Protein backbone atom coordinates (compact mmCIF):
# COMPACT_ATOMS: atom_id res chain seq x y z
CA MET A 1 48.42 10.22 85.69
CA SER A 2 47.07 6.96 84.80
CA THR A 3 43.69 8.49 83.97
CA GLU A 4 45.39 10.93 81.68
CA LEU A 5 47.26 8.10 80.01
CA LEU A 6 44.11 6.06 79.67
CA LEU A 7 42.27 9.06 78.25
CA GLU A 8 45.05 9.73 75.75
CA ALA A 9 45.16 6.05 74.76
CA PHE A 10 41.39 6.06 74.31
CA LEU A 11 41.54 9.23 72.17
CA SER A 12 44.41 7.74 70.12
CA LEU A 13 42.36 4.62 69.54
CA LEU A 14 39.39 6.71 68.44
CA LEU A 15 41.67 8.73 66.14
CA MET A 16 43.06 5.52 64.57
CA ILE A 17 39.52 4.19 64.06
CA ALA A 18 38.54 7.51 62.46
CA CYS A 19 41.62 7.36 60.17
CA GLY A 20 40.80 3.76 59.17
CA TYR A 21 37.21 4.71 58.51
CA GLY A 22 38.43 7.70 56.42
CA VAL A 23 40.61 5.35 54.30
CA VAL A 24 37.66 2.97 53.71
CA LEU A 25 35.39 5.89 52.90
CA ASN A 26 37.99 7.33 50.52
CA SER A 27 38.24 4.03 48.59
CA LYS A 28 34.46 3.83 48.32
CA LEU A 29 34.30 7.42 47.05
CA LYS A 30 36.96 6.65 44.42
CA LYS A 31 34.95 3.61 43.28
CA ILE A 32 31.77 5.73 43.06
CA HIS A 33 33.67 8.37 41.08
CA ARG A 34 34.91 5.72 38.57
CA GLU A 35 31.41 4.30 38.21
CA GLN A 36 30.05 7.81 37.76
CA ALA A 37 32.49 8.34 34.88
CA ASP A 38 31.36 5.03 33.33
CA LEU A 39 27.73 6.10 33.77
CA MET A 40 28.45 9.44 32.10
CA GLY A 41 30.01 7.57 29.15
CA MET A 42 26.91 5.38 28.85
CA ILE A 43 24.67 8.44 29.06
CA GLU A 44 26.65 10.12 26.25
CA LYS A 45 26.35 6.96 24.10
CA PHE A 46 22.62 6.82 24.84
CA ASP A 47 22.26 10.49 23.92
CA ASP A 48 24.12 9.90 20.63
CA ALA A 49 21.91 6.89 19.88
CA ALA A 50 18.77 8.93 20.64
CA LEU A 51 19.95 11.68 18.25
CA ARG A 52 20.61 9.09 15.51
CA VAL A 53 17.16 7.60 16.06
CA SER A 54 15.62 11.05 15.79
CA ASP A 55 17.51 11.73 12.55
CA ASN A 56 16.52 8.32 11.16
CA ILE A 57 12.87 8.92 12.03
CA SER A 58 12.99 12.26 10.20
CA THR A 59 14.61 10.57 7.21
CA MET A 60 11.99 7.82 7.25
CA HIS A 61 9.19 10.40 7.32
CA SER A 62 10.64 12.24 4.32
CA GLN A 63 11.16 8.96 2.44
CA ARG A 64 7.61 7.92 3.25
CA ASN A 65 6.37 11.23 1.84
CA ASN A 66 8.44 10.71 -1.31
CA VAL A 67 7.18 7.15 -1.73
CA GLU A 68 3.62 8.28 -1.10
CA HIS A 69 3.98 11.00 -3.75
CA ASP A 70 5.52 8.54 -6.25
CA LEU A 71 2.80 6.00 -5.55
CA LYS A 72 0.10 8.61 -6.10
CA ARG A 73 1.69 9.50 -9.45
CA VAL A 74 1.80 5.83 -10.46
CA VAL A 75 -1.84 5.30 -9.45
CA GLU A 76 -2.90 8.42 -11.34
CA ARG A 77 -0.99 7.24 -14.42
CA ALA A 78 -2.55 3.78 -14.12
CA ASN A 79 -6.03 5.32 -13.86
CA PHE A 80 -5.29 7.48 -16.90
CA LEU A 81 -4.10 4.43 -18.87
CA MET A 82 -7.14 2.47 -17.74
CA ASP A 83 -9.40 5.26 -19.01
CA GLU A 84 -7.51 5.34 -22.32
CA LEU A 85 -7.80 1.59 -22.68
CA SER A 86 -11.50 1.78 -21.93
CA VAL A 87 -11.93 4.37 -24.69
CA MET A 88 -9.89 2.19 -27.06
CA VAL A 89 -11.96 -0.91 -26.23
CA ASN A 90 -15.18 1.03 -26.78
CA ALA A 91 -13.84 2.33 -30.10
CA GLY A 92 -12.85 -1.22 -31.07
CA ASP A 93 -16.33 -2.48 -30.22
CA ASN A 94 -17.79 0.34 -32.28
CA ILE A 95 -15.55 -0.51 -35.25
CA ALA A 96 -16.37 -4.20 -34.92
CA GLY A 97 -20.08 -3.39 -34.96
CA ARG A 98 -19.65 -1.24 -38.05
CA LEU A 99 -17.64 -3.99 -39.74
CA GLU A 100 -20.32 -6.54 -38.94
CA GLY A 101 -22.91 -4.21 -40.44
CA ALA A 102 -20.79 -3.72 -43.56
CA VAL A 103 -20.30 -7.48 -43.94
CA GLU A 104 -24.04 -7.99 -43.57
CA GLN A 105 -24.68 -5.36 -46.24
CA VAL A 106 -22.20 -7.03 -48.59
CA ARG A 107 -23.87 -10.39 -47.97
CA ASN A 108 -27.26 -8.89 -48.76
CA ILE A 109 -25.90 -7.30 -51.93
CA GLY A 110 -24.32 -10.61 -52.91
CA LEU A 111 -27.56 -12.49 -52.36
CA ARG A 112 -29.44 -10.01 -54.49
CA GLN A 113 -26.81 -10.20 -57.20
CA GLY A 114 -26.34 -13.84 -58.03
CA GLY A 115 -23.11 -13.19 -59.99
CA ALA A 116 -21.32 -11.58 -57.07
CA SER A 117 -21.32 -14.72 -54.96
CA ASN A 118 -17.58 -15.20 -55.46
CA LYS A 119 -16.87 -11.72 -54.08
CA VAL A 120 -19.28 -12.25 -51.19
CA SER A 121 -17.60 -15.54 -50.27
CA LYS A 122 -14.27 -13.69 -50.26
CA VAL A 123 -15.67 -11.17 -47.78
CA GLU A 124 -17.26 -13.94 -45.71
CA LYS A 125 -13.92 -15.75 -45.51
CA SER A 126 -12.27 -12.53 -44.35
CA SER A 127 -14.95 -11.93 -41.75
CA ASP A 128 -14.73 -15.52 -40.51
CA ARG A 129 -10.98 -15.18 -40.08
CA LEU A 130 -11.44 -11.98 -38.10
CA ASN A 131 -10.83 -12.79 -34.46
CA LEU A 132 -11.42 -9.72 -32.32
CA ASN A 133 -9.36 -11.13 -29.46
CA SER A 134 -6.21 -11.72 -31.52
CA ASP A 135 -3.08 -9.58 -31.61
CA GLY A 136 -3.34 -8.90 -35.37
CA LEU A 137 -6.70 -7.10 -35.17
CA ALA A 138 -5.50 -4.06 -37.10
CA ALA A 139 -4.09 -6.11 -39.99
CA LYS A 140 -7.17 -8.32 -40.18
CA THR A 141 -9.44 -5.28 -40.07
CA ALA A 142 -7.49 -3.63 -42.88
CA ALA A 143 -7.71 -6.81 -45.00
CA LEU A 144 -11.46 -7.06 -44.40
CA VAL A 145 -12.00 -3.40 -45.31
CA LYS A 146 -9.96 -3.89 -48.49
CA ASN A 147 -12.05 -6.93 -49.46
CA ILE A 148 -15.25 -5.00 -48.78
CA GLN A 149 -14.04 -2.09 -50.92
CA GLU A 150 -13.09 -4.46 -53.75
CA ALA A 151 -16.50 -6.09 -53.55
CA ARG A 152 -18.25 -2.73 -53.72
CA GLN A 153 -16.17 -1.56 -56.69
CA SER A 154 -17.00 -4.56 -58.87
């Protein structure tokens, strides 16, 4: 009987140890389950952030394309304006050359005609005042042309 009692006590002890181990294991499993839920929440936040990044990258690409298109238009417009300005400068140089030739002709006419020296000096004063780099080029050119025409008429 004593061996049966000892065997039953030993089995009871093993059963108690198994129950204690089950309780410890259960608490660890609950902790792992809570941490798994936290990890799932972090994964969902990461997934949302990755989707936002993807959307933002797509938006940035489209904005880059728009900016690139706008910049190309601005550069094309600037090139066009530069070409126009070049044509205008060439035309201004051409007009200035023609004006210089006309002034020289008027001077020659004035030298040949001794009485027209007053008119020639008027034209010379106008041509001396002509500054091709000034803002009032059109007005000065018109005044010089008028003086030349007056000198030719008289």
